[in-house]
Amino acid sequence: MTTSSTDPLTAEAPAADLVRALIAARQTVATAESLTAGLLGATIAGVPGASAVLRGGLIVYATDLKETLAGVSADTLAADGPVAASTAEQLAVGARQRCGADWGIGLTGVAGPDPQDGREVGTVFLGLSGPEGTEVVRLKLSGDRWTIRVSAVRAAITELLRGLRSG
């Protein structure tokens, strides 16, 4: 059996840059992931030294788990649905609070192949909660399921890097 020392997920996003930046800032991150189902956490964990900054993550693929595990309010889910800016915002805050991290990232969206709850394939909401507050970015991604999910991970890592550098 041949093994490779390179994690293929880390080649898809600037995860090593993120880990270095978090270490330099002495800050931590946690995730609450729906459409990416742990892919973001796994990508960050693929970087040597990630254990110093990655607190953990919540895989909340099922709508009810967004509420029970990540703390998204039942009212938000009823009014806006699982794929919404308000849901991503609460996912990010929930990840941050429940895992005791400096930063929380929430990802929810539609990877396809079919639309969901009136949202087109490629619609992604990225919540980022940090020391200075919480923001949400709406993404319109294209490609197949894998491409959309990997693109969402890349965007999340890039946005957190931006947040670290501006803070």
N, C-alpha and C. Protein backbone atom coordinates (compact mmCIF):
# COMPACT_ATOMS: atom_id res chain seq x y z
N MET A 1 0.83 -1.17 0.00
CA MET A 1 0.00 0.00 0.00
C MET A 1 0.88 1.25 0.00
N THR A 2 0.58 2.15 -0.88
CA THR A 2 1.33 3.39 -0.98
C THR A 2 0.54 4.48 -0.28
N THR A 3 1.21 5.29 0.50
CA THR A 3 0.54 6.39 1.16
C THR A 3 1.14 7.71 0.70
N SER A 4 0.35 8.74 0.76
CA SER A 4 0.78 10.07 0.40
C SER A 4 0.78 10.93 1.65
N SER A 5 1.72 11.83 1.76
CA SER A 5 1.77 12.71 2.93
C SER A 5 0.94 13.97 2.72
N THR A 6 0.35 14.12 1.55
CA THR A 6 -0.46 15.29 1.26
C THR A 6 -1.94 14.96 1.33
N ASP A 7 -2.67 15.72 2.13
CA ASP A 7 -4.10 15.55 2.24
C ASP A 7 -4.75 16.19 1.02
N PRO A 8 -5.52 15.42 0.22
CA PRO A 8 -6.09 16.00 -1.01
C PRO A 8 -7.07 17.14 -0.74
N LEU A 9 -7.70 17.18 0.41
CA LEU A 9 -8.63 18.26 0.70
C LEU A 9 -7.91 19.59 0.88
N THR A 10 -6.72 19.56 1.48
CA THR A 10 -6.03 20.82 1.72
C THR A 10 -5.52 21.46 0.44
N ALA A 11 -5.44 20.69 -0.63
CA ALA A 11 -5.04 21.25 -1.92
C ALA A 11 -6.14 22.09 -2.54
N GLU A 12 -7.37 21.92 -2.06
CA GLU A 12 -8.52 22.62 -2.64
C GLU A 12 -8.76 24.01 -2.05
N ALA A 13 -8.13 24.32 -0.91
CA ALA A 13 -8.40 25.58 -0.23
C ALA A 13 -7.16 26.01 0.56
N PRO A 14 -7.05 27.29 0.89
CA PRO A 14 -5.88 27.77 1.64
C PRO A 14 -5.95 27.43 3.13
N ALA A 15 -6.18 26.17 3.43
CA ALA A 15 -6.34 25.73 4.82
C ALA A 15 -5.07 25.92 5.63
N ALA A 16 -3.91 25.68 5.03
CA ALA A 16 -2.64 25.85 5.76
C ALA A 16 -2.46 27.32 6.14
N ASP A 17 -2.82 28.23 5.23
CA ASP A 17 -2.74 29.66 5.55
C ASP A 17 -3.65 30.00 6.72
N LEU A 18 -4.84 29.41 6.74
CA LEU A 18 -5.79 29.66 7.82
C LEU A 18 -5.24 29.16 9.15
N VAL A 19 -4.73 27.96 9.17
CA VAL A 19 -4.19 27.41 10.42
C VAL A 19 -3.05 28.28 10.93
N ARG A 20 -2.14 28.68 10.04
CA ARG A 20 -1.03 29.56 10.45
C ARG A 20 -1.55 30.89 11.01
N ALA A 21 -2.55 31.46 10.34
CA ALA A 21 -3.11 32.75 10.78
C ALA A 21 -3.79 32.62 12.14
N LEU A 22 -4.53 31.54 12.34
CA LEU A 22 -5.18 31.33 13.63
C LEU A 22 -4.15 31.11 14.74
N ILE A 23 -3.11 30.35 14.45
CA ILE A 23 -2.05 30.14 15.44
C ILE A 23 -1.39 31.47 15.80
N ALA A 24 -1.08 32.27 14.78
CA ALA A 24 -0.44 33.57 15.01
C ALA A 24 -1.33 34.49 15.84
N ALA A 25 -2.64 34.42 15.62
CA ALA A 25 -3.59 35.27 16.34
C ALA A 25 -3.99 34.67 17.69
N ARG A 26 -3.54 33.43 17.94
CA ARG A 26 -3.92 32.70 19.16
C ARG A 26 -5.43 32.61 19.31
N GLN A 27 -6.06 32.22 18.17
CA GLN A 27 -7.51 32.09 18.13
C GLN A 27 -7.90 30.71 17.62
N THR A 28 -9.16 30.37 17.85
CA THR A 28 -9.68 29.05 17.48
C THR A 28 -10.92 29.18 16.61
N VAL A 29 -11.29 28.06 15.99
CA VAL A 29 -12.44 28.03 15.09
C VAL A 29 -13.25 26.76 15.34
N ALA A 30 -14.54 26.87 15.08
CA ALA A 30 -15.45 25.72 15.11
C ALA A 30 -16.43 25.88 13.96
N THR A 31 -17.01 24.76 13.52
CA THR A 31 -17.90 24.79 12.36
C THR A 31 -19.26 24.19 12.70
N ALA A 32 -20.27 24.65 11.97
CA ALA A 32 -21.59 24.02 11.95
C ALA A 32 -21.93 23.89 10.48
N GLU A 33 -21.92 22.65 10.00
CA GLU A 33 -22.01 22.41 8.56
C GLU A 33 -23.25 21.62 8.18
N SER A 34 -23.93 22.12 7.18
CA SER A 34 -25.06 21.40 6.61
C SER A 34 -24.63 20.82 5.27
N LEU A 35 -24.65 21.61 4.21
CA LEU A 35 -24.38 21.04 2.89
C LEU A 35 -22.99 20.44 2.76
N THR A 36 -22.02 20.90 3.54
CA THR A 36 -20.66 20.37 3.45
C THR A 36 -20.44 19.16 4.35
N ALA A 37 -21.35 18.90 5.26
CA ALA A 37 -21.37 17.67 6.08
C ALA A 37 -20.01 17.29 6.66
N GLY A 38 -19.28 18.26 7.18
CA GLY A 38 -18.00 17.98 7.82
C GLY A 38 -16.79 18.21 6.94
N LEU A 39 -17.01 18.53 5.69
CA LEU A 39 -15.90 18.72 4.75
C LEU A 39 -15.01 19.91 5.15
N LEU A 40 -15.60 20.96 5.68
CA LEU A 40 -14.82 22.12 6.12
C LEU A 40 -13.92 21.73 7.29
N GLY A 41 -14.49 21.10 8.30
CA GLY A 41 -13.70 20.67 9.44
C GLY A 41 -12.60 19.70 9.03
N ALA A 42 -12.93 18.77 8.13
CA ALA A 42 -11.94 17.80 7.67
C ALA A 42 -10.83 18.48 6.89
N THR A 43 -11.15 19.51 6.14
CA THR A 43 -10.13 20.23 5.37
C THR A 43 -9.17 20.96 6.31
N ILE A 44 -9.72 21.63 7.31
CA ILE A 44 -8.85 22.31 8.27
C ILE A 44 -8.00 21.29 9.03
N ALA A 45 -8.61 20.18 9.43
CA ALA A 45 -7.90 19.15 10.19
C ALA A 45 -6.81 18.47 9.38
N GLY A 46 -6.85 18.59 8.08
CA GLY A 46 -5.82 18.00 7.23
C GLY A 46 -4.49 18.72 7.28
N VAL A 47 -4.46 19.87 7.93
CA VAL A 47 -3.23 20.65 8.04
C VAL A 47 -2.51 20.26 9.33
N PRO A 48 -1.24 19.89 9.24
CA PRO A 48 -0.50 19.60 10.46
C PRO A 48 -0.53 20.80 11.41
N GLY A 49 -0.80 20.57 12.67
CA GLY A 49 -0.90 21.64 13.65
C GLY A 49 -2.30 22.16 13.87
N ALA A 50 -3.26 21.65 13.09
CA ALA A 50 -4.64 22.13 13.20
C ALA A 50 -5.23 21.90 14.59
N SER A 51 -4.73 20.93 15.31
CA SER A 51 -5.29 20.65 16.63
C SER A 51 -5.12 21.83 17.59
N ALA A 52 -4.21 22.74 17.28
CA ALA A 52 -4.02 23.93 18.11
C ALA A 52 -5.13 24.96 17.93
N VAL A 53 -5.88 24.85 16.81
CA VAL A 53 -6.85 25.90 16.50
C VAL A 53 -8.26 25.39 16.20
N LEU A 54 -8.40 24.15 15.81
CA LEU A 54 -9.73 23.61 15.47
C LEU A 54 -10.36 23.02 16.71
N ARG A 55 -11.40 23.68 17.22
CA ARG A 55 -12.08 23.22 18.43
C ARG A 55 -12.99 22.03 18.16
N GLY A 56 -13.67 22.06 17.01
CA GLY A 56 -14.60 20.98 16.69
C GLY A 56 -15.62 21.46 15.70
N GLY A 57 -16.61 20.61 15.49
CA GLY A 57 -17.63 20.97 14.52
C GLY A 57 -18.90 20.17 14.72
N LEU A 58 -19.96 20.72 14.18
CA LEU A 58 -21.28 20.10 14.23
C LEU A 58 -21.72 19.80 12.81
N ILE A 59 -22.07 18.56 12.55
CA ILE A 59 -22.65 18.21 11.26
C ILE A 59 -24.16 18.20 11.46
N VAL A 60 -24.81 19.16 10.85
CA VAL A 60 -26.25 19.36 11.05
C VAL A 60 -26.96 19.28 9.71
N TYR A 61 -26.80 18.16 9.07
CA TYR A 61 -27.39 17.94 7.75
C TYR A 61 -28.91 17.93 7.83
N ALA A 62 -29.44 17.27 8.84
CA ALA A 62 -30.90 17.22 9.05
C ALA A 62 -31.37 18.53 9.67
N THR A 63 -32.52 19.01 9.22
CA THR A 63 -33.03 20.29 9.69
C THR A 63 -33.23 20.32 11.20
N ASP A 64 -33.75 19.27 11.78
CA ASP A 64 -33.99 19.28 13.23
C ASP A 64 -32.70 19.41 14.03
N LEU A 65 -31.59 18.92 13.49
CA LEU A 65 -30.31 19.03 14.20
C LEU A 65 -29.76 20.45 14.17
N LYS A 66 -30.16 21.23 13.19
CA LYS A 66 -29.76 22.63 13.18
C LYS A 66 -30.26 23.31 14.45
N GLU A 67 -31.44 22.93 14.88
CA GLU A 67 -32.01 23.48 16.11
C GLU A 67 -31.40 22.83 17.35
N THR A 68 -31.43 21.51 17.43
CA THR A 68 -31.04 20.84 18.67
C THR A 68 -29.54 20.85 18.93
N LEU A 69 -28.73 20.76 17.90
CA LEU A 69 -27.28 20.76 18.11
C LEU A 69 -26.65 22.14 17.98
N ALA A 70 -27.08 22.91 16.98
CA ALA A 70 -26.43 24.19 16.70
C ALA A 70 -27.16 25.40 17.28
N GLY A 71 -28.38 25.21 17.76
CA GLY A 71 -29.09 26.31 18.39
C GLY A 71 -29.82 27.25 17.47
N VAL A 72 -30.07 26.85 16.22
CA VAL A 72 -30.87 27.68 15.33
C VAL A 72 -32.30 27.66 15.87
N SER A 73 -32.91 28.81 15.97
CA SER A 73 -34.24 28.88 16.58
C SER A 73 -35.29 28.20 15.69
N ALA A 74 -36.25 27.59 16.35
CA ALA A 74 -37.35 26.95 15.64
C ALA A 74 -38.11 27.98 14.81
N ASP A 75 -38.22 29.19 15.31
CA ASP A 75 -38.92 30.25 14.59
C ASP A 75 -38.20 30.59 13.29
N THR A 76 -36.88 30.65 13.32
CA THR A 76 -36.10 30.94 12.12
C THR A 76 -36.28 29.84 11.09
N LEU A 77 -36.19 28.60 11.56
CA LEU A 77 -36.36 27.47 10.63
C LEU A 77 -37.76 27.45 10.03
N ALA A 78 -38.76 27.76 10.83
CA ALA A 78 -40.14 27.76 10.33
C ALA A 78 -40.38 28.91 9.35
N ALA A 79 -39.85 30.08 9.66
CA ALA A 79 -40.11 31.26 8.83
C ALA A 79 -39.22 31.32 7.59
N ASP A 80 -37.92 31.01 7.76
CA ASP A 80 -36.96 31.21 6.68
C ASP A 80 -36.49 29.92 6.02
N GLY A 81 -36.57 28.80 6.75
CA GLY A 81 -36.13 27.52 6.23
C GLY A 81 -34.68 27.22 6.57
N PRO A 82 -34.27 26.01 6.23
CA PRO A 82 -32.90 25.60 6.56
C PRO A 82 -31.82 26.23 5.68
N VAL A 83 -32.20 26.71 4.50
CA VAL A 83 -31.24 27.35 3.59
C VAL A 83 -31.59 28.83 3.53
N ALA A 84 -31.00 29.59 4.44
CA ALA A 84 -31.30 31.02 4.55
C ALA A 84 -30.16 31.74 5.25
N ALA A 85 -30.07 33.03 5.02
CA ALA A 85 -29.04 33.84 5.67
C ALA A 85 -29.18 33.78 7.19
N SER A 86 -30.40 33.88 7.69
CA SER A 86 -30.62 33.86 9.13
C SER A 86 -30.20 32.53 9.75
N THR A 87 -30.40 31.44 9.01
CA THR A 87 -29.98 30.12 9.48
C THR A 87 -28.46 30.04 9.53
N ALA A 88 -27.78 30.51 8.48
CA ALA A 88 -26.32 30.49 8.46
C ALA A 88 -25.74 31.33 9.60
N GLU A 89 -26.36 32.46 9.86
CA GLU A 89 -25.92 33.32 10.96
C GLU A 89 -26.00 32.58 12.29
N GLN A 90 -27.13 31.94 12.53
CA GLN A 90 -27.30 31.23 13.80
C GLN A 90 -26.44 29.97 13.87
N LEU A 91 -26.17 29.34 12.74
CA LEU A 91 -25.24 28.21 12.72
C LEU A 91 -23.85 28.66 13.16
N ALA A 92 -23.40 29.79 12.64
CA ALA A 92 -22.06 30.30 12.98
C ALA A 92 -21.97 30.64 14.46
N VAL A 93 -22.98 31.32 14.97
CA VAL A 93 -23.00 31.68 16.39
C VAL A 93 -23.07 30.41 17.25
N GLY A 94 -23.89 29.46 16.84
CA GLY A 94 -24.01 28.21 17.58
C GLY A 94 -22.71 27.44 17.62
N ALA A 95 -22.01 27.36 16.51
CA ALA A 95 -20.72 26.66 16.48
C ALA A 95 -19.73 27.33 17.43
N ARG A 96 -19.69 28.62 17.35
CA ARG A 96 -18.77 29.39 18.20
C ARG A 96 -19.07 29.18 19.68
N GLN A 97 -20.33 29.32 20.05
CA GLN A 97 -20.71 29.20 21.45
C GLN A 97 -20.62 27.77 21.97
N ARG A 98 -21.17 26.83 21.23
CA ARG A 98 -21.22 25.45 21.71
C ARG A 98 -19.85 24.79 21.78
N CYS A 99 -18.94 25.23 20.92
CA CYS A 99 -17.59 24.63 20.92
C CYS A 99 -16.56 25.50 21.64
N GLY A 100 -16.98 26.66 22.13
CA GLY A 100 -16.07 27.52 22.86
C GLY A 100 -14.92 28.04 22.02
N ALA A 101 -15.23 28.50 20.82
CA ALA A 101 -14.21 28.98 19.89
C ALA A 101 -14.27 30.49 19.73
N ASP A 102 -13.19 31.07 19.25
CA ASP A 102 -13.17 32.50 18.94
C ASP A 102 -13.99 32.81 17.69
N TRP A 103 -13.97 31.85 16.74
CA TRP A 103 -14.67 32.02 15.47
C TRP A 103 -15.61 30.84 15.23
N GLY A 104 -16.76 31.12 14.67
CA GLY A 104 -17.68 30.08 14.24
C GLY A 104 -18.03 30.28 12.78
N ILE A 105 -18.08 29.18 12.06
CA ILE A 105 -18.47 29.22 10.64
C ILE A 105 -19.71 28.36 10.48
N GLY A 106 -20.73 28.91 9.84
CA GLY A 106 -21.95 28.16 9.53
C GLY A 106 -22.13 28.09 8.03
N LEU A 107 -22.38 26.89 7.53
CA LEU A 107 -22.60 26.70 6.10
C LEU A 107 -23.91 25.96 5.86
N THR A 108 -24.74 26.54 5.02
CA THR A 108 -25.97 25.88 4.60
C THR A 108 -26.23 26.25 3.15
N GLY A 109 -26.82 25.32 2.41
CA GLY A 109 -27.07 25.61 1.00
C GLY A 109 -27.61 24.41 0.26
N VAL A 110 -27.64 24.53 -1.05
CA VAL A 110 -28.17 23.49 -1.92
C VAL A 110 -27.08 23.04 -2.89
N ALA A 111 -26.63 21.79 -2.71
CA ALA A 111 -25.59 21.25 -3.58
C ALA A 111 -26.16 20.53 -4.79
N GLY A 112 -27.44 20.26 -4.78
CA GLY A 112 -28.08 19.61 -5.93
C GLY A 112 -28.21 18.12 -5.76
N PRO A 113 -28.74 17.47 -6.73
CA PRO A 113 -28.96 17.96 -8.09
C PRO A 113 -30.25 18.76 -8.28
N ASP A 114 -31.12 18.78 -7.27
CA ASP A 114 -32.40 19.46 -7.41
C ASP A 114 -32.49 20.66 -6.47
N PRO A 115 -33.32 21.66 -6.82
CA PRO A 115 -33.56 22.77 -5.91
C PRO A 115 -34.16 22.25 -4.59
N GLN A 116 -34.04 23.06 -3.55
CA GLN A 116 -34.57 22.69 -2.24
C GLN A 116 -35.27 23.90 -1.63
N ASP A 117 -36.47 23.71 -1.16
CA ASP A 117 -37.22 24.77 -0.48
C ASP A 117 -37.23 26.08 -1.26
N GLY A 118 -37.36 25.98 -2.57
CA GLY A 118 -37.41 27.18 -3.40
C GLY A 118 -36.05 27.81 -3.69
N ARG A 119 -34.98 27.18 -3.25
CA ARG A 119 -33.63 27.70 -3.48
C ARG A 119 -32.99 26.93 -4.63
N GLU A 120 -32.33 27.67 -5.52
CA GLU A 120 -31.67 27.05 -6.67
C GLU A 120 -30.41 26.31 -6.24
N VAL A 121 -30.04 25.31 -7.04
CA VAL A 121 -28.79 24.60 -6.83
C VAL A 121 -27.65 25.62 -6.91
N GLY A 122 -26.72 25.53 -5.96
CA GLY A 122 -25.59 26.44 -5.92
C GLY A 122 -25.78 27.61 -4.98
N THR A 123 -26.99 27.76 -4.40
CA THR A 123 -27.25 28.79 -3.42
C THR A 123 -26.62 28.36 -2.10
N VAL A 124 -25.73 29.16 -1.57
CA VAL A 124 -25.05 28.84 -0.32
C VAL A 124 -25.02 30.09 0.56
N PHE A 125 -25.28 29.90 1.84
CA PHE A 125 -25.15 30.97 2.82
C PHE A 125 -24.03 30.59 3.78
N LEU A 126 -23.10 31.52 3.96
CA LEU A 126 -21.93 31.33 4.79
C LEU A 126 -21.99 32.33 5.94
N GLY A 127 -22.14 31.81 7.14
CA GLY A 127 -22.13 32.66 8.32
C GLY A 127 -20.75 32.64 8.96
N LEU A 128 -20.31 33.79 9.42
CA LEU A 128 -19.01 33.91 10.07
C LEU A 128 -19.21 34.74 11.34
N SER A 129 -18.99 34.10 12.48
CA SER A 129 -19.15 34.77 13.77
C SER A 129 -17.80 34.86 14.45
N GLY A 130 -17.41 36.09 14.80
CA GLY A 130 -16.12 36.29 15.42
C GLY A 130 -16.19 37.28 16.56
N PRO A 131 -15.04 37.68 17.06
CA PRO A 131 -14.99 38.59 18.20
C PRO A 131 -15.70 39.92 17.97
N GLU A 132 -15.79 40.35 16.73
CA GLU A 132 -16.40 41.65 16.43
C GLU A 132 -17.85 41.55 15.96
N GLY A 133 -18.42 40.34 15.90
CA GLY A 133 -19.79 40.20 15.46
C GLY A 133 -19.95 39.09 14.43
N THR A 134 -21.11 39.10 13.80
CA THR A 134 -21.45 38.03 12.86
C THR A 134 -21.89 38.64 11.54
N GLU A 135 -21.46 38.01 10.45
CA GLU A 135 -21.88 38.45 9.12
C GLU A 135 -22.24 37.22 8.30
N VAL A 136 -23.00 37.45 7.25
CA VAL A 136 -23.40 36.37 6.35
C VAL A 136 -23.10 36.78 4.92
N VAL A 137 -22.55 35.83 4.18
CA VAL A 137 -22.25 36.04 2.77
C VAL A 137 -23.11 35.07 1.97
N ARG A 138 -23.80 35.58 0.97
CA ARG A 138 -24.57 34.71 0.08
C ARG A 138 -23.70 34.41 -1.14
N LEU A 139 -23.59 33.13 -1.45
CA LEU A 139 -22.79 32.68 -2.58
C LEU A 139 -23.69 32.06 -3.63
N LYS A 140 -23.32 32.23 -4.87
CA LYS A 140 -23.98 31.52 -5.98
C LYS A 140 -22.89 30.72 -6.66
N LEU A 141 -22.86 29.43 -6.38
CA LEU A 141 -21.81 28.55 -6.88
C LEU A 141 -22.35 27.68 -8.01
N SER A 142 -21.46 27.21 -8.85
CA SER A 142 -21.90 26.36 -9.95
C SER A 142 -21.07 25.09 -9.99
N GLY A 143 -21.60 24.10 -10.70
CA GLY A 143 -20.91 22.82 -10.84
C GLY A 143 -21.75 21.69 -10.29
N ASP A 144 -21.12 20.53 -10.19
CA ASP A 144 -21.81 19.37 -9.62
C ASP A 144 -21.75 19.45 -8.09
N ARG A 145 -22.34 18.45 -7.43
CA ARG A 145 -22.40 18.46 -5.96
C ARG A 145 -21.02 18.64 -5.33
N TRP A 146 -20.05 17.87 -5.79
CA TRP A 146 -18.71 17.95 -5.22
C TRP A 146 -18.12 19.34 -5.39
N THR A 147 -18.23 19.88 -6.59
CA THR A 147 -17.66 21.19 -6.89
C THR A 147 -18.31 22.27 -6.03
N ILE A 148 -19.60 22.22 -5.86
CA ILE A 148 -20.31 23.21 -5.03
C ILE A 148 -19.85 23.09 -3.59
N ARG A 149 -19.76 21.88 -3.08
CA ARG A 149 -19.34 21.68 -1.69
C ARG A 149 -17.90 22.14 -1.46
N VAL A 150 -17.00 21.79 -2.36
CA VAL A 150 -15.60 22.20 -2.23
C VAL A 150 -15.49 23.72 -2.37
N SER A 151 -16.25 24.30 -3.27
CA SER A 151 -16.24 25.76 -3.44
C SER A 151 -16.75 26.46 -2.19
N ALA A 152 -17.73 25.89 -1.52
CA ALA A 152 -18.24 26.46 -0.27
C ALA A 152 -17.17 26.41 0.82
N VAL A 153 -16.43 25.31 0.89
CA VAL A 153 -15.34 25.18 1.86
C VAL A 153 -14.27 26.22 1.57
N ARG A 154 -13.88 26.35 0.30
CA ARG A 154 -12.87 27.34 -0.08
C ARG A 154 -13.32 28.74 0.31
N ALA A 155 -14.57 29.07 0.05
CA ALA A 155 -15.10 30.40 0.38
C ALA A 155 -15.09 30.63 1.89
N ALA A 156 -15.44 29.60 2.66
CA ALA A 156 -15.46 29.74 4.12
C ALA A 156 -14.06 30.01 4.66
N ILE A 157 -13.08 29.28 4.17
CA ILE A 157 -11.71 29.48 4.63
C ILE A 157 -11.20 30.85 4.21
N THR A 158 -11.50 31.25 3.00
CA THR A 158 -11.08 32.56 2.50
C THR A 158 -11.71 33.69 3.30
N GLU A 159 -13.00 33.56 3.62
CA GLU A 159 -13.70 34.60 4.40
C GLU A 159 -13.15 34.68 5.82
N LEU A 160 -12.85 33.54 6.42
CA LEU A 160 -12.28 33.58 7.77
C LEU A 160 -10.89 34.21 7.74
N LEU A 161 -10.10 33.89 6.73
CA LEU A 161 -8.79 34.55 6.59
C LEU A 161 -8.95 36.06 6.47
N ARG A 162 -9.92 36.49 5.68
CA ARG A 162 -10.19 37.93 5.52
C ARG A 162 -10.56 38.53 6.86
N GLY A 163 -11.43 37.84 7.62
CA GLY A 163 -11.83 38.33 8.93
C GLY A 163 -10.66 38.43 9.91
N LEU A 164 -9.79 37.45 9.87
CA LEU A 164 -8.61 37.49 10.74
C LEU A 164 -7.69 38.64 10.39
N ARG A 165 -7.51 38.87 9.11
CA ARG A 165 -6.59 39.91 8.65
C ARG A 165 -7.13 41.31 8.88
N SER A 166 -8.47 41.45 8.85
CA SER A 166 -9.05 42.77 9.05
C SER A 166 -9.26 43.08 10.54
N GLY A 167 -9.24 42.05 11.36
CA GLY A 167 -9.46 42.24 12.79
C GLY A 167 -8.20 42.44 13.49
